[in-house]
Amino acid sequence: IELFQNVDRYGVSHDEGGAERPYGEVSITRTTTGSSQIHAANLIPASARDQLEATLSELQGLDRASLSELYHEQLPKPCVKDAPSGAAGLGLIELAKRCQSQLSFSFQPVHESC
């Protein structure tokens, strides 16, 4: 659910007239070992990349206990108005907590603004 919400709320693309519109995709695959992998992709403004990459890298280095602690620290904090997501980052923390293996991510430029 968290990935679908992320794509719906924060994925941005531009139509031919330059207007923003939501864009993203989520796929679920089953491996030969029986585990599932969930992949999500959405366009973000290029200006948001550095902050998002730093946040994801920080979460990637935390164990479940540390992620839970961070989640509870963030819970009472108000949403950050100027943050790329407009939120306190709880969704990303929750995603990292639910991963059976290490959270992985990558960024691929699509055009100058995304």
C-alpha atoms as a PDB file:
ATOM      1  CA  ILE A   1       0.000   0.000   0.000  1.00  0.00           C
ATOM      2  CA  GLU A   2       2.807   2.396   0.923  1.00  0.00           C
ATOM      3  CA  LEU A   3       4.390   2.112  -2.539  1.00  0.00           C
ATOM      4  CA  PHE A   4       1.087   2.728  -4.306  1.00  0.00           C
ATOM      5  CA  GLN A   5       0.489   5.803  -2.148  1.00  0.00           C
ATOM      6  CA  ASN A   6       3.994   7.073  -2.899  1.00  0.00           C
ATOM      7  CA  VAL A   7       3.534   6.726  -6.647  1.00  0.00           C
ATOM      8  CA  ASP A   8       0.063   8.277  -6.522  1.00  0.00           C
ATOM      9  CA  ARG A   9       1.024  11.238  -4.335  1.00  0.00           C
ATOM     10  CA  TYR A  10       4.544  12.088  -5.438  1.00  0.00           C
ATOM     11  CA  GLY A  11       5.189  10.740  -8.931  1.00  0.00           C
ATOM     12  CA  VAL A  12       5.153  13.638 -11.388  1.00  0.00           C
ATOM     13  CA  SER A  13       5.316  13.836 -15.139  1.00  0.00           C
ATOM     14  CA  HIS A  14       4.534  16.631 -17.585  1.00  0.00           C
ATOM     15  CA  ASP A  15       2.187  16.427 -20.525  1.00  0.00           C
ATOM     16  CA  GLU A  16       2.908  18.065 -23.875  1.00  0.00           C
ATOM     17  CA  GLY A  17       1.548  21.382 -22.593  1.00  0.00           C
ATOM     18  CA  GLY A  18       3.885  21.311 -19.582  1.00  0.00           C
ATOM     19  CA  ALA A  19       1.166  20.586 -17.013  1.00  0.00           C
ATOM     20  CA  GLU A  20       2.066  18.219 -14.178  1.00  0.00           C
ATOM     21  CA  ARG A  21       0.273  14.901 -13.982  1.00  0.00           C
ATOM     22  CA  PRO A  22       0.787  11.833 -11.787  1.00  0.00           C
ATOM     23  CA  TYR A  23       3.022   9.097 -13.143  1.00  0.00           C
ATOM     24  CA  GLY A  24       4.488   5.926 -11.701  1.00  0.00           C
ATOM     25  CA  GLU A  25       4.409   2.162 -11.718  1.00  0.00           C
ATOM     26  CA  VAL A  26       4.514  -0.689  -9.225  1.00  0.00           C
ATOM     27  CA  SER A  27       5.204  -4.333 -10.073  1.00  0.00           C
ATOM     28  CA  ILE A  28       5.334  -7.483  -7.990  1.00  0.00           C
ATOM     29  CA  THR A  29       7.394 -10.491  -9.044  1.00  0.00           C
ATOM     30  CA  ARG A  30       7.765 -13.930  -7.517  1.00  0.00           C
ATOM     31  CA  THR A  31      11.251 -15.458  -7.563  1.00  0.00           C
ATOM     32  CA  THR A  32      12.100 -19.102  -8.126  1.00  0.00           C
ATOM     33  CA  THR A  33      12.928 -19.373  -4.411  1.00  0.00           C
ATOM     34  CA  GLY A  34       9.368 -18.352  -3.491  1.00  0.00           C
ATOM     35  CA  SER A  35      10.088 -14.850  -2.271  1.00  0.00           C
ATOM     36  CA  SER A  36       8.416 -11.775  -3.687  1.00  0.00           C
ATOM     37  CA  GLN A  37      10.017  -8.581  -4.915  1.00  0.00           C
ATOM     38  CA  ILE A  38       8.138  -5.330  -5.166  1.00  0.00           C
ATOM     39  CA  HIS A  39       9.465  -2.665  -7.505  1.00  0.00           C
ATOM     40  CA  ALA A  40       8.202   0.891  -7.713  1.00  0.00           C
ATOM     41  CA  ALA A  41       9.205   3.636 -10.099  1.00  0.00           C
ATOM     42  CA  ASN A  42       8.085   7.199 -10.333  1.00  0.00           C
ATOM     43  CA  LEU A  43       9.393  10.443 -11.702  1.00  0.00           C
ATOM     44  CA  ILE A  44      10.594  13.009  -9.206  1.00  0.00           C
ATOM     45  CA  PRO A  45      11.951  16.485  -9.784  1.00  0.00           C
ATOM     46  CA  ALA A  46      15.719  16.421 -10.266  1.00  0.00           C
ATOM     47  CA  SER A  47      15.963  18.954  -7.442  1.00  0.00           C
ATOM     48  CA  ALA A  48      14.563  16.366  -4.990  1.00  0.00           C
ATOM     49  CA  ARG A  49      17.077  13.638  -5.813  1.00  0.00           C
ATOM     50  CA  ASP A  50      19.900  14.530  -3.405  1.00  0.00           C
ATOM     51  CA  GLN A  51      17.647  14.753  -0.352  1.00  0.00           C
ATOM     52  CA  LEU A  52      15.755  11.578  -1.234  1.00  0.00           C
ATOM     53  CA  GLU A  53      18.982   9.688  -1.928  1.00  0.00           C
ATOM     54  CA  ALA A  54      20.425  10.809   1.435  1.00  0.00           C
ATOM     55  CA  THR A  55      17.270   9.725   3.261  1.00  0.00           C
ATOM     56  CA  LEU A  56      17.177   6.324   1.554  1.00  0.00           C
ATOM     57  CA  SER A  57      20.892   5.764   2.189  1.00  0.00           C
ATOM     58  CA  GLU A  58      20.402   6.540   5.868  1.00  0.00           C
ATOM     59  CA  LEU A  59      17.467   4.128   6.114  1.00  0.00           C
ATOM     60  CA  GLN A  60      19.411   1.464   4.224  1.00  0.00           C
ATOM     61  CA  GLY A  61      22.050   1.424   6.970  1.00  0.00           C
ATOM     62  CA  LEU A  62      19.632   0.907   9.872  1.00  0.00           C
ATOM     63  CA  ASP A  63      18.476  -2.372  11.399  1.00  0.00           C
ATOM     64  CA  ARG A  64      14.799  -2.995  12.262  1.00  0.00           C
ATOM     65  CA  ALA A  65      15.147  -1.846  15.866  1.00  0.00           C
ATOM     66  CA  SER A  66      16.750   1.422  14.752  1.00  0.00           C
ATOM     67  CA  LEU A  67      14.086   1.902  12.071  1.00  0.00           C
ATOM     68  CA  SER A  68      11.345   1.397  14.664  1.00  0.00           C
ATOM     69  CA  GLU A  69      13.019   3.885  16.974  1.00  0.00           C
ATOM     70  CA  LEU A  70      13.332   6.423  14.150  1.00  0.00           C
ATOM     71  CA  TYR A  71       9.678   5.885  13.206  1.00  0.00           C
ATOM     72  CA  HIS A  72       8.536   6.648  16.749  1.00  0.00           C
ATOM     73  CA  GLU A  73      10.785   9.719  16.870  1.00  0.00           C
ATOM     74  CA  GLN A  74       9.272  11.029  13.621  1.00  0.00           C
ATOM     75  CA  LEU A  75       5.661  10.198  14.502  1.00  0.00           C
ATOM     76  CA  PRO A  76       4.893  13.285  16.596  1.00  0.00           C
ATOM     77  CA  LYS A  77       6.723  15.639  14.237  1.00  0.00           C
ATOM     78  CA  PRO A  78       4.646  17.771  11.881  1.00  0.00           C
ATOM     79  CA  CYS A  79       4.856  17.298   8.155  1.00  0.00           C
ATOM     80  CA  VAL A  80       7.748  19.180   6.603  1.00  0.00           C
ATOM     81  CA  LYS A  81       6.162  21.612   4.148  1.00  0.00           C
ATOM     82  CA  ASP A  82       9.243  22.050   1.947  1.00  0.00           C
ATOM     83  CA  ALA A  83      10.282  18.391   1.970  1.00  0.00           C
ATOM     84  CA  PRO A  84      10.086  16.706  -1.451  1.00  0.00           C
ATOM     85  CA  SER A  85       7.346  14.418  -0.161  1.00  0.00           C
ATOM     86  CA  GLY A  86       5.626  17.050   1.982  1.00  0.00           C
ATOM     87  CA  ALA A  87       5.647  14.555   4.849  1.00  0.00           C
ATOM     88  CA  ALA A  88       7.734  13.485   7.801  1.00  0.00           C
ATOM     89  CA  GLY A  89       9.195  10.489   5.938  1.00  0.00           C
ATOM     90  CA  LEU A  90       7.152   7.917   7.834  1.00  0.00           C
ATOM     91  CA  GLY A  91       6.255   6.029   4.660  1.00  0.00           C
ATOM     92  CA  LEU A  92       9.879   5.491   3.687  1.00  0.00           C
ATOM     93  CA  ILE A  93      10.732   4.337   7.203  1.00  0.00           C
ATOM     94  CA  GLU A  94       7.795   1.925   7.120  1.00  0.00           C
ATOM     95  CA  LEU A  95       8.922   0.543   3.749  1.00  0.00           C
ATOM     96  CA  ALA A  96      12.446  -0.027   5.037  1.00  0.00           C
ATOM     97  CA  LYS A  97      11.090  -1.778   8.149  1.00  0.00           C
ATOM     98  CA  ARG A  98       9.020  -4.185   6.059  1.00  0.00           C
ATOM     99  CA  CYS A  99      11.837  -5.250   3.732  1.00  0.00           C
ATOM    100  CA  GLN A 100      12.965  -8.805   4.334  1.00  0.00           C
ATOM    101  CA  SER A 101      16.327  -7.952   2.779  1.00  0.00           C
ATOM    102  CA  GLN A 102      18.093  -4.649   2.406  1.00  0.00           C
ATOM    103  CA  LEU A 103      16.178  -1.793   0.826  1.00  0.00           C
ATOM    104  CA  SER A 104      17.632  -1.005  -2.590  1.00  0.00           C
ATOM    105  CA  PHE A 105      17.117   1.962  -4.863  1.00  0.00           C
ATOM    106  CA  SER A 106      18.507   3.680  -7.936  1.00  0.00           C
ATOM    107  CA  PHE A 107      17.978   6.906  -9.833  1.00  0.00           C
ATOM    108  CA  GLN A 108      17.995   7.216 -13.593  1.00  0.00           C
ATOM    109  CA  PRO A 109      17.696  10.618 -15.290  1.00  0.00           C
ATOM    110  CA  VAL A 110      14.841  10.845 -17.758  1.00  0.00           C
ATOM    111  CA  HIS A 111      15.244  14.479 -18.817  1.00  0.00           C
ATOM    112  CA  GLU A 112      16.590  17.719 -17.324  1.00  0.00           C
ATOM    113  CA  SER A 113      13.811  18.302 -14.808  1.00  0.00           C
ATOM    114  CA  CYS A 114      13.235  14.662 -13.740  1.00  0.00           C
END
